[in-house]
N, C-alpha and C. Protein backbone atom coordinates (compact mmCIF):
# COMPACT_ATOMS: atom_id res chain seq x y z
N ASN A 1 49.38 -4.15 -8.95
CA ASN A 1 48.52 -5.25 -9.38
C ASN A 1 47.83 -5.88 -8.18
N VAL A 2 46.61 -6.32 -8.40
CA VAL A 2 45.84 -6.97 -7.35
C VAL A 2 46.05 -8.47 -7.47
N ALA A 3 46.47 -9.09 -6.38
CA ALA A 3 46.72 -10.53 -6.39
C ALA A 3 45.42 -11.30 -6.21
N THR A 4 44.61 -10.94 -5.20
CA THR A 4 43.35 -11.66 -4.95
C THR A 4 42.28 -10.69 -4.45
N ILE A 5 41.06 -11.06 -4.75
CA ILE A 5 39.90 -10.39 -4.15
C ILE A 5 39.04 -11.51 -3.57
N SER A 6 38.62 -11.32 -2.31
CA SER A 6 37.82 -12.33 -1.64
C SER A 6 36.79 -11.65 -0.75
N TYR A 7 35.87 -12.47 -0.22
CA TYR A 7 34.88 -11.93 0.71
C TYR A 7 34.54 -12.96 1.77
N THR A 8 34.02 -12.46 2.88
CA THR A 8 33.43 -13.30 3.92
C THR A 8 32.06 -12.73 4.22
N LEU A 9 31.13 -13.63 4.51
CA LEU A 9 29.77 -13.24 4.85
C LEU A 9 29.46 -13.75 6.25
N ASN A 10 29.14 -12.83 7.13
CA ASN A 10 28.78 -13.15 8.51
C ASN A 10 29.84 -13.99 9.21
N GLY A 11 31.12 -13.69 8.96
CA GLY A 11 32.21 -14.39 9.63
C GLY A 11 32.44 -15.80 9.11
N GLY A 12 31.81 -16.16 7.99
CA GLY A 12 31.96 -17.50 7.43
C GLY A 12 33.28 -17.66 6.71
N PRO A 13 33.42 -18.74 5.94
CA PRO A 13 34.68 -19.02 5.24
C PRO A 13 34.97 -17.97 4.17
N VAL A 14 36.24 -17.81 3.87
CA VAL A 14 36.67 -16.87 2.83
C VAL A 14 36.31 -17.46 1.47
N GLN A 15 35.69 -16.63 0.65
CA GLN A 15 35.32 -17.02 -0.71
C GLN A 15 36.16 -16.17 -1.68
N THR A 16 36.92 -16.81 -2.53
CA THR A 16 37.77 -16.10 -3.48
C THR A 16 36.96 -15.70 -4.70
N ILE A 17 37.07 -14.43 -5.05
CA ILE A 17 36.38 -13.91 -6.23
C ILE A 17 37.29 -13.99 -7.45
N CYS A 18 38.57 -13.62 -7.27
CA CYS A 18 39.52 -13.75 -8.38
C CYS A 18 40.95 -13.90 -7.83
N ASP A 19 41.79 -14.63 -8.60
CA ASP A 19 43.22 -14.77 -8.34
C ASP A 19 43.95 -14.10 -9.49
N ASN A 20 45.09 -13.48 -9.19
CA ASN A 20 45.86 -12.77 -10.21
C ASN A 20 44.93 -11.82 -10.97
N CYS A 21 44.29 -10.94 -10.24
CA CYS A 21 43.24 -10.08 -10.78
C CYS A 21 43.78 -8.99 -11.70
N GLY A 22 45.05 -8.63 -11.58
CA GLY A 22 45.63 -7.62 -12.45
C GLY A 22 45.42 -6.21 -11.92
N ALA A 23 45.74 -5.25 -12.77
CA ALA A 23 45.60 -3.84 -12.41
C ALA A 23 44.16 -3.40 -12.66
N ASP A 24 43.60 -2.68 -11.72
CA ASP A 24 42.25 -2.10 -11.83
C ASP A 24 41.19 -3.12 -12.25
N PRO A 25 41.06 -4.20 -11.48
CA PRO A 25 40.11 -5.25 -11.87
C PRO A 25 38.67 -4.84 -11.59
N SER A 26 37.75 -5.38 -12.38
CA SER A 26 36.33 -5.25 -12.07
C SER A 26 35.83 -6.64 -11.74
N PHE A 27 34.84 -6.73 -10.86
CA PHE A 27 34.35 -8.03 -10.44
C PHE A 27 32.91 -7.93 -9.98
N ALA A 28 32.26 -9.07 -9.96
CA ALA A 28 30.89 -9.17 -9.45
C ALA A 28 30.73 -10.55 -8.86
N PHE A 29 29.82 -10.67 -7.89
CA PHE A 29 29.54 -11.97 -7.30
C PHE A 29 28.14 -11.95 -6.70
N ASN A 30 27.57 -13.13 -6.56
CA ASN A 30 26.24 -13.27 -5.97
C ASN A 30 26.36 -13.78 -4.55
N LEU A 31 25.44 -13.34 -3.71
CA LEU A 31 25.38 -13.81 -2.33
C LEU A 31 24.09 -14.59 -2.13
N ASN A 32 24.17 -15.62 -1.32
CA ASN A 32 22.98 -16.38 -0.96
C ASN A 32 22.61 -15.99 0.47
N LEU A 33 21.61 -15.13 0.59
CA LEU A 33 21.15 -14.67 1.90
C LEU A 33 19.84 -15.39 2.21
N ASP A 34 19.90 -16.36 3.09
CA ASP A 34 18.75 -17.21 3.37
C ASP A 34 17.79 -16.63 4.39
N ASN A 35 18.26 -15.86 5.33
CA ASN A 35 17.42 -15.41 6.43
C ASN A 35 16.91 -14.01 6.20
N GLU A 36 15.61 -13.91 5.89
CA GLU A 36 15.01 -12.59 5.73
C GLU A 36 15.00 -11.87 7.07
N CYS A 37 15.01 -10.56 6.99
CA CYS A 37 14.91 -9.69 8.17
C CYS A 37 16.14 -9.77 9.07
N THR A 38 17.24 -10.27 8.54
CA THR A 38 18.45 -10.41 9.33
C THR A 38 19.52 -9.48 8.77
N ASP A 39 20.26 -8.83 9.67
CA ASP A 39 21.39 -8.02 9.23
C ASP A 39 22.56 -8.95 8.93
N ASN A 40 23.18 -8.77 7.78
CA ASN A 40 24.33 -9.57 7.36
C ASN A 40 25.54 -8.66 7.22
N THR A 41 26.73 -9.17 7.59
CA THR A 41 27.96 -8.40 7.47
C THR A 41 28.81 -9.00 6.37
N LEU A 42 29.12 -8.17 5.37
CA LEU A 42 29.93 -8.58 4.24
C LEU A 42 31.25 -7.83 4.30
N ILE A 43 32.36 -8.58 4.21
CA ILE A 43 33.70 -7.97 4.17
C ILE A 43 34.36 -8.40 2.86
N VAL A 44 34.68 -7.42 2.02
CA VAL A 44 35.38 -7.67 0.75
C VAL A 44 36.83 -7.20 0.93
N THR A 45 37.78 -8.09 0.59
CA THR A 45 39.19 -7.81 0.82
C THR A 45 39.97 -7.97 -0.48
N ALA A 46 40.83 -6.98 -0.75
CA ALA A 46 41.74 -7.04 -1.90
C ALA A 46 43.17 -7.09 -1.36
N THR A 47 43.96 -8.00 -1.93
CA THR A 47 45.36 -8.14 -1.54
C THR A 47 46.21 -7.84 -2.76
N GLY A 48 47.19 -6.94 -2.60
CA GLY A 48 48.06 -6.56 -3.70
C GLY A 48 49.22 -7.52 -3.86
N ASP A 49 49.88 -7.45 -5.03
CA ASP A 49 51.08 -8.27 -5.28
C ASP A 49 52.19 -7.94 -4.29
N ASP A 50 52.18 -6.72 -3.75
CA ASP A 50 53.19 -6.30 -2.80
C ASP A 50 52.86 -6.68 -1.36
N GLY A 51 51.69 -7.38 -1.15
CA GLY A 51 51.31 -7.82 0.19
C GLY A 51 50.39 -6.85 0.92
N GLY A 52 50.13 -5.68 0.34
CA GLY A 52 49.22 -4.72 0.95
C GLY A 52 47.78 -5.25 0.93
N VAL A 53 47.02 -4.89 1.98
CA VAL A 53 45.64 -5.38 2.10
C VAL A 53 44.70 -4.20 2.30
N SER A 54 43.57 -4.26 1.62
CA SER A 54 42.53 -3.25 1.78
C SER A 54 41.19 -3.98 1.84
N SER A 55 40.32 -3.53 2.77
CA SER A 55 39.02 -4.20 2.86
C SER A 55 37.91 -3.17 3.12
N VAL A 56 36.72 -3.58 2.75
CA VAL A 56 35.53 -2.77 2.94
C VAL A 56 34.49 -3.65 3.63
N THR A 57 33.87 -3.11 4.70
CA THR A 57 32.83 -3.83 5.42
C THR A 57 31.51 -3.11 5.21
N THR A 58 30.48 -3.90 4.91
CA THR A 58 29.16 -3.31 4.72
C THR A 58 28.10 -4.21 5.34
N ALA A 59 27.01 -3.60 5.77
CA ALA A 59 25.88 -4.35 6.32
C ALA A 59 24.82 -4.49 5.23
N ILE A 60 24.29 -5.70 5.10
CA ILE A 60 23.25 -5.98 4.11
C ILE A 60 22.04 -6.50 4.87
N HIS A 61 20.92 -5.84 4.65
CA HIS A 61 19.66 -6.27 5.27
C HIS A 61 18.79 -6.85 4.17
N TYR A 62 18.50 -8.12 4.27
CA TYR A 62 17.75 -8.80 3.23
C TYR A 62 16.28 -8.93 3.61
N ASP A 63 15.43 -8.50 2.72
CA ASP A 63 13.98 -8.66 2.87
C ASP A 63 13.41 -8.71 1.47
N GLY A 64 13.04 -9.89 1.02
CA GLY A 64 12.50 -10.04 -0.33
C GLY A 64 10.98 -10.14 -0.37
N THR A 65 10.34 -10.01 0.79
CA THR A 65 8.90 -10.17 0.87
C THR A 65 8.22 -8.82 0.95
N PRO A 66 7.28 -8.53 0.03
CA PRO A 66 6.57 -7.24 0.10
C PRO A 66 5.59 -7.21 1.27
N PRO A 67 5.22 -6.01 1.71
CA PRO A 67 4.22 -5.91 2.77
C PRO A 67 2.85 -6.40 2.28
N VAL A 68 1.99 -6.74 3.23
CA VAL A 68 0.62 -7.15 2.91
C VAL A 68 -0.27 -5.94 3.18
N ILE A 69 -0.96 -5.47 2.14
CA ILE A 69 -1.79 -4.27 2.25
C ILE A 69 -3.26 -4.68 2.23
N GLN A 70 -4.07 -3.97 3.01
CA GLN A 70 -5.51 -4.27 3.11
C GLN A 70 -6.30 -3.00 2.84
N CYS A 71 -7.01 -2.98 1.71
CA CYS A 71 -7.89 -1.87 1.37
C CYS A 71 -9.30 -2.17 1.89
N PRO A 72 -10.08 -1.13 2.14
CA PRO A 72 -11.47 -1.37 2.54
C PRO A 72 -12.29 -1.85 1.34
N ALA A 73 -13.48 -2.37 1.63
CA ALA A 73 -14.43 -2.70 0.56
C ALA A 73 -14.83 -1.39 -0.12
N ASP A 74 -15.45 -1.50 -1.28
CA ASP A 74 -15.93 -0.29 -1.96
C ASP A 74 -16.80 0.53 -1.01
N ILE A 75 -16.65 1.84 -1.10
CA ILE A 75 -17.39 2.77 -0.25
C ILE A 75 -18.46 3.44 -1.09
N VAL A 76 -19.70 3.39 -0.62
CA VAL A 76 -20.81 4.03 -1.31
C VAL A 76 -21.34 5.13 -0.40
N THR A 77 -21.44 6.33 -0.92
CA THR A 77 -21.88 7.47 -0.12
C THR A 77 -22.76 8.38 -0.97
N SER A 78 -23.45 9.30 -0.31
CA SER A 78 -24.30 10.26 -1.01
C SER A 78 -23.83 11.67 -0.73
N ALA A 79 -23.83 12.47 -1.76
CA ALA A 79 -23.49 13.89 -1.62
C ALA A 79 -24.78 14.69 -1.53
N CYS A 80 -24.70 15.82 -0.85
CA CYS A 80 -25.87 16.69 -0.73
C CYS A 80 -26.16 17.44 -2.03
N ASP A 81 -25.14 17.58 -2.86
CA ASP A 81 -25.30 18.27 -4.13
C ASP A 81 -24.35 17.64 -5.15
N THR A 82 -24.23 18.21 -6.30
CA THR A 82 -23.39 17.64 -7.35
C THR A 82 -21.91 17.96 -7.20
N ASN A 83 -21.52 18.63 -6.10
CA ASN A 83 -20.11 18.96 -5.88
C ASN A 83 -19.30 17.78 -5.33
N GLY A 84 -19.97 16.69 -4.94
CA GLY A 84 -19.25 15.53 -4.42
C GLY A 84 -19.32 15.45 -2.90
N ASP A 85 -18.52 14.55 -2.34
CA ASP A 85 -18.56 14.30 -0.90
C ASP A 85 -17.15 14.06 -0.38
N THR A 86 -16.86 14.51 0.83
CA THR A 86 -15.60 14.23 1.49
C THR A 86 -15.68 12.82 2.06
N VAL A 87 -14.69 11.99 1.74
CA VAL A 87 -14.70 10.60 2.19
C VAL A 87 -13.40 10.29 2.92
N ASN A 88 -13.55 9.74 4.12
CA ASN A 88 -12.41 9.28 4.91
C ASN A 88 -12.40 7.76 4.90
N PHE A 89 -11.20 7.18 4.85
CA PHE A 89 -11.06 5.73 4.86
C PHE A 89 -9.74 5.36 5.51
N THR A 90 -9.62 4.08 5.88
CA THR A 90 -8.40 3.58 6.51
C THR A 90 -7.87 2.40 5.71
N VAL A 91 -6.58 2.44 5.42
CA VAL A 91 -5.88 1.36 4.74
C VAL A 91 -4.75 0.92 5.67
N THR A 92 -4.57 -0.39 5.84
CA THR A 92 -3.53 -0.91 6.73
C THR A 92 -2.56 -1.78 5.96
N ALA A 93 -1.37 -1.97 6.53
CA ALA A 93 -0.36 -2.85 5.94
C ALA A 93 0.50 -3.44 7.05
N THR A 94 0.92 -4.69 6.84
CA THR A 94 1.84 -5.35 7.76
C THR A 94 3.01 -5.88 6.94
N ASP A 95 4.13 -6.12 7.63
CA ASP A 95 5.31 -6.61 6.95
C ASP A 95 5.94 -7.73 7.77
N ASN A 96 6.66 -8.63 7.10
CA ASN A 96 7.31 -9.73 7.80
C ASN A 96 8.52 -9.27 8.60
N CYS A 97 9.10 -8.14 8.27
CA CYS A 97 10.24 -7.60 9.01
C CYS A 97 9.79 -6.40 9.83
N SER A 98 10.50 -6.16 10.92
CA SER A 98 10.17 -4.97 11.71
C SER A 98 10.62 -3.74 10.95
N GLY A 99 10.04 -2.65 11.29
CA GLY A 99 10.36 -1.40 10.61
C GLY A 99 9.10 -0.78 10.06
N PRO A 100 9.18 0.47 9.72
CA PRO A 100 7.98 1.17 9.25
C PRO A 100 7.54 0.72 7.87
N VAL A 101 6.23 0.77 7.66
CA VAL A 101 5.64 0.54 6.35
C VAL A 101 4.86 1.80 6.02
N SER A 102 5.21 2.45 4.91
CA SER A 102 4.49 3.66 4.52
C SER A 102 3.37 3.28 3.55
N ILE A 103 2.26 4.01 3.66
CA ILE A 103 1.12 3.78 2.78
C ILE A 103 0.77 5.11 2.13
N VAL A 104 0.68 5.11 0.81
CA VAL A 104 0.29 6.30 0.06
C VAL A 104 -0.90 5.93 -0.80
N CYS A 105 -2.01 6.67 -0.63
CA CYS A 105 -3.21 6.44 -1.43
C CYS A 105 -3.46 7.64 -2.33
N THR A 106 -3.89 7.35 -3.55
CA THR A 106 -4.21 8.39 -4.52
C THR A 106 -5.60 8.15 -5.06
N PRO A 107 -6.54 9.06 -4.81
CA PRO A 107 -6.47 10.24 -3.94
C PRO A 107 -6.47 9.81 -2.46
N PRO A 108 -5.96 10.68 -1.59
CA PRO A 108 -5.84 10.33 -0.17
C PRO A 108 -7.18 10.40 0.57
N SER A 109 -7.20 9.77 1.74
CA SER A 109 -8.36 9.86 2.62
C SER A 109 -8.61 11.32 2.96
N GLY A 110 -9.89 11.69 3.04
CA GLY A 110 -10.25 13.07 3.34
C GLY A 110 -10.43 13.93 2.11
N SER A 111 -10.24 13.34 0.92
CA SER A 111 -10.43 14.08 -0.32
C SER A 111 -11.91 14.24 -0.62
N VAL A 112 -12.22 15.23 -1.45
CA VAL A 112 -13.57 15.38 -1.96
C VAL A 112 -13.64 14.56 -3.24
N PHE A 113 -14.56 13.58 -3.26
CA PHE A 113 -14.73 12.71 -4.41
C PHE A 113 -15.93 13.19 -5.21
N PRO A 114 -15.78 13.36 -6.52
CA PRO A 114 -16.91 13.82 -7.33
C PRO A 114 -17.97 12.72 -7.46
N VAL A 115 -19.16 13.13 -7.87
CA VAL A 115 -20.24 12.20 -8.10
C VAL A 115 -19.81 11.20 -9.17
N GLY A 116 -20.08 9.93 -8.94
CA GLY A 116 -19.70 8.87 -9.87
C GLY A 116 -18.83 7.85 -9.18
N THR A 117 -18.19 6.99 -9.96
CA THR A 117 -17.29 5.96 -9.44
C THR A 117 -15.86 6.45 -9.53
N ASN A 118 -15.16 6.45 -8.40
CA ASN A 118 -13.78 6.94 -8.30
C ASN A 118 -12.90 5.78 -7.83
N ILE A 119 -11.80 5.53 -8.52
CA ILE A 119 -10.87 4.46 -8.14
C ILE A 119 -9.79 5.05 -7.23
N VAL A 120 -9.57 4.40 -6.08
CA VAL A 120 -8.50 4.77 -5.16
C VAL A 120 -7.43 3.70 -5.26
N THR A 121 -6.17 4.09 -5.47
CA THR A 121 -5.04 3.16 -5.54
C THR A 121 -4.12 3.45 -4.36
N CYS A 122 -3.80 2.40 -3.59
CA CYS A 122 -2.92 2.55 -2.42
C CYS A 122 -1.70 1.66 -2.60
N VAL A 123 -0.53 2.19 -2.22
CA VAL A 123 0.73 1.46 -2.33
C VAL A 123 1.40 1.45 -0.96
N ALA A 124 1.78 0.25 -0.50
CA ALA A 124 2.52 0.09 0.75
C ALA A 124 3.97 -0.20 0.41
N THR A 125 4.90 0.46 1.11
CA THR A 125 6.34 0.27 0.88
C THR A 125 7.02 -0.01 2.21
N ASP A 126 7.80 -1.12 2.28
CA ASP A 126 8.53 -1.42 3.51
C ASP A 126 9.90 -0.76 3.49
N SER A 127 10.65 -0.93 4.58
CA SER A 127 11.94 -0.23 4.71
C SER A 127 12.99 -0.74 3.73
N CYS A 128 12.77 -1.89 3.09
CA CYS A 128 13.72 -2.39 2.08
C CYS A 128 13.30 -2.05 0.66
N GLY A 129 12.20 -1.30 0.52
CA GLY A 129 11.76 -0.87 -0.80
C GLY A 129 10.79 -1.81 -1.48
N ASN A 130 10.38 -2.90 -0.82
CA ASN A 130 9.39 -3.81 -1.40
C ASN A 130 8.03 -3.12 -1.36
N THR A 131 7.22 -3.32 -2.41
CA THR A 131 5.92 -2.66 -2.49
C THR A 131 4.81 -3.65 -2.80
N SER A 132 3.61 -3.28 -2.38
CA SER A 132 2.38 -3.98 -2.78
C SER A 132 1.30 -2.93 -2.94
N GLN A 133 0.25 -3.29 -3.67
CA GLN A 133 -0.77 -2.31 -4.03
C GLN A 133 -2.15 -2.94 -3.92
N CYS A 134 -3.14 -2.09 -3.63
CA CYS A 134 -4.54 -2.51 -3.67
C CYS A 134 -5.38 -1.34 -4.19
N ASN A 135 -6.59 -1.66 -4.64
CA ASN A 135 -7.51 -0.65 -5.19
C ASN A 135 -8.89 -0.88 -4.60
N PHE A 136 -9.66 0.19 -4.54
CA PHE A 136 -11.08 0.09 -4.20
C PHE A 136 -11.78 1.29 -4.83
N ASN A 137 -13.11 1.21 -4.86
CA ASN A 137 -13.91 2.27 -5.46
C ASN A 137 -14.59 3.11 -4.39
N VAL A 138 -14.69 4.40 -4.65
CA VAL A 138 -15.54 5.29 -3.87
C VAL A 138 -16.64 5.73 -4.82
N ILE A 139 -17.85 5.31 -4.52
CA ILE A 139 -18.99 5.58 -5.40
C ILE A 139 -19.85 6.65 -4.73
N VAL A 140 -19.96 7.80 -5.38
CA VAL A 140 -20.69 8.93 -4.81
C VAL A 140 -21.94 9.17 -5.65
N GLY A 141 -23.08 9.14 -4.98
CA GLY A 141 -24.34 9.47 -5.63
C GLY A 141 -24.85 10.79 -5.08
N VAL A 142 -25.86 11.32 -5.70
CA VAL A 142 -26.47 12.55 -5.19
C VAL A 142 -27.59 12.11 -4.27
N GLY A 143 -27.64 12.67 -3.05
CA GLY A 143 -28.63 12.30 -2.04
C GLY A 143 -30.04 12.62 -2.48
N SER A 144 -30.99 12.25 -1.64
CA SER A 144 -32.40 12.47 -1.98
C SER A 144 -32.68 13.96 -2.09
N GLN A 145 -33.55 14.28 -3.03
CA GLN A 145 -33.91 15.67 -3.25
C GLN A 145 -35.41 15.82 -2.99
N LEU A 146 -35.77 16.94 -2.44
CA LEU A 146 -37.17 17.23 -2.15
C LEU A 146 -37.89 17.55 -3.45
N SER A 147 -39.05 16.92 -3.65
CA SER A 147 -39.85 17.25 -4.82
C SER A 147 -41.30 17.47 -4.39
N ILE A 148 -41.97 18.34 -5.07
CA ILE A 148 -43.37 18.63 -4.80
C ILE A 148 -44.16 18.14 -6.00
N GLU A 149 -45.15 17.29 -5.72
CA GLU A 149 -45.94 16.72 -6.79
C GLU A 149 -47.41 17.10 -6.57
N ARG A 150 -48.16 17.04 -7.62
CA ARG A 150 -49.59 17.32 -7.52
C ARG A 150 -50.25 16.20 -6.73
N ALA A 151 -51.15 16.55 -5.92
CA ALA A 151 -51.88 15.54 -5.14
C ALA A 151 -53.37 15.68 -5.44
N VAL A 152 -54.05 14.58 -5.42
CA VAL A 152 -55.50 14.58 -5.58
C VAL A 152 -56.08 14.21 -4.22
N ILE A 153 -56.90 15.08 -3.72
CA ILE A 153 -57.51 14.84 -2.41
C ILE A 153 -58.99 14.56 -2.65
N ILE A 154 -59.45 13.45 -2.16
CA ILE A 154 -60.86 13.07 -2.28
C ILE A 154 -61.45 13.07 -0.88
N SER A 155 -62.54 13.76 -0.72
CA SER A 155 -63.22 13.75 0.58
C SER A 155 -64.69 13.47 0.34
N ARG A 156 -65.31 12.95 1.34
CA ARG A 156 -66.71 12.61 1.24
C ARG A 156 -67.42 13.20 2.44
N SER A 157 -68.45 13.86 2.20
CA SER A 157 -69.24 14.36 3.32
C SER A 157 -70.65 13.83 3.17
N GLU A 158 -71.26 13.50 4.26
CA GLU A 158 -72.61 12.94 4.25
C GLU A 158 -73.45 13.65 5.30
N GLU A 159 -74.70 13.66 5.00
CA GLU A 159 -75.62 14.16 6.01
C GLU A 159 -76.01 12.98 6.86
N HIS A 160 -76.00 13.20 8.14
CA HIS A 160 -76.34 12.10 9.04
C HIS A 160 -77.82 12.13 9.37
N THR A 161 -78.42 11.02 9.16
CA THR A 161 -79.82 10.86 9.56
C THR A 161 -79.91 9.61 10.40
N SER A 162 -80.96 9.47 11.06
CA SER A 162 -81.11 8.32 11.92
C SER A 162 -81.24 7.04 11.13
N GLU A 163 -81.66 7.16 9.88
CA GLU A 163 -81.83 5.97 9.07
C GLU A 163 -80.54 5.60 8.34
N LEU A 164 -79.64 6.54 8.17
CA LEU A 164 -78.42 6.29 7.40
C LEU A 164 -77.25 6.18 8.36
N GLN A 165 -76.56 5.11 8.32
CA GLN A 165 -75.38 4.91 9.16
C GLN A 165 -74.14 5.02 8.26
N SER A 166 -73.19 5.78 8.67
CA SER A 166 -71.95 5.91 7.91
C SER A 166 -71.06 4.71 8.20
N PRO A 167 -70.47 4.12 7.18
CA PRO A 167 -69.58 2.99 7.41
C PRO A 167 -68.26 3.43 8.05
N CYS A 168 -68.02 4.70 8.18
CA CYS A 168 -66.74 5.16 8.71
C CYS A 168 -66.82 5.50 10.19
N ASN A 169 -67.93 5.21 10.87
CA ASN A 169 -68.03 5.57 12.29
C ASN A 169 -67.15 4.72 13.12
């Protein structure tokens, strides 16, 4: 039988979870972790009716704030033909805690975007699993095309005489 289950957080006072817990007890408790980006040490201890002690130590890293992601403004480009255009872009993210922030965009930078309006969705994820998202458009038009049109050419020819002066001299 388990006599008591208790815990300490970061070397603080012992907090009792249960007394006279019985055989094969189940338990749950909440922790108040005030300092984001700080490593916390939790020690859970079980004491048996026979005086035996068993404990488990674990590190808890608390970060409840998602990263801040920055997408570019909508991108407008022209393709040489109706097959679309390759578009490169940069998306950035910062986080309140140190550690890597991964950014995944769908479709990714360097993709060929078809003619029309294409939505790009980017998700930033920090090392604690917090996520944030942003979207922007890649608008692809077809570039200028050469066209040949009929032209009307008007010319004037005059005979020059000493009495007639051309206004175009």
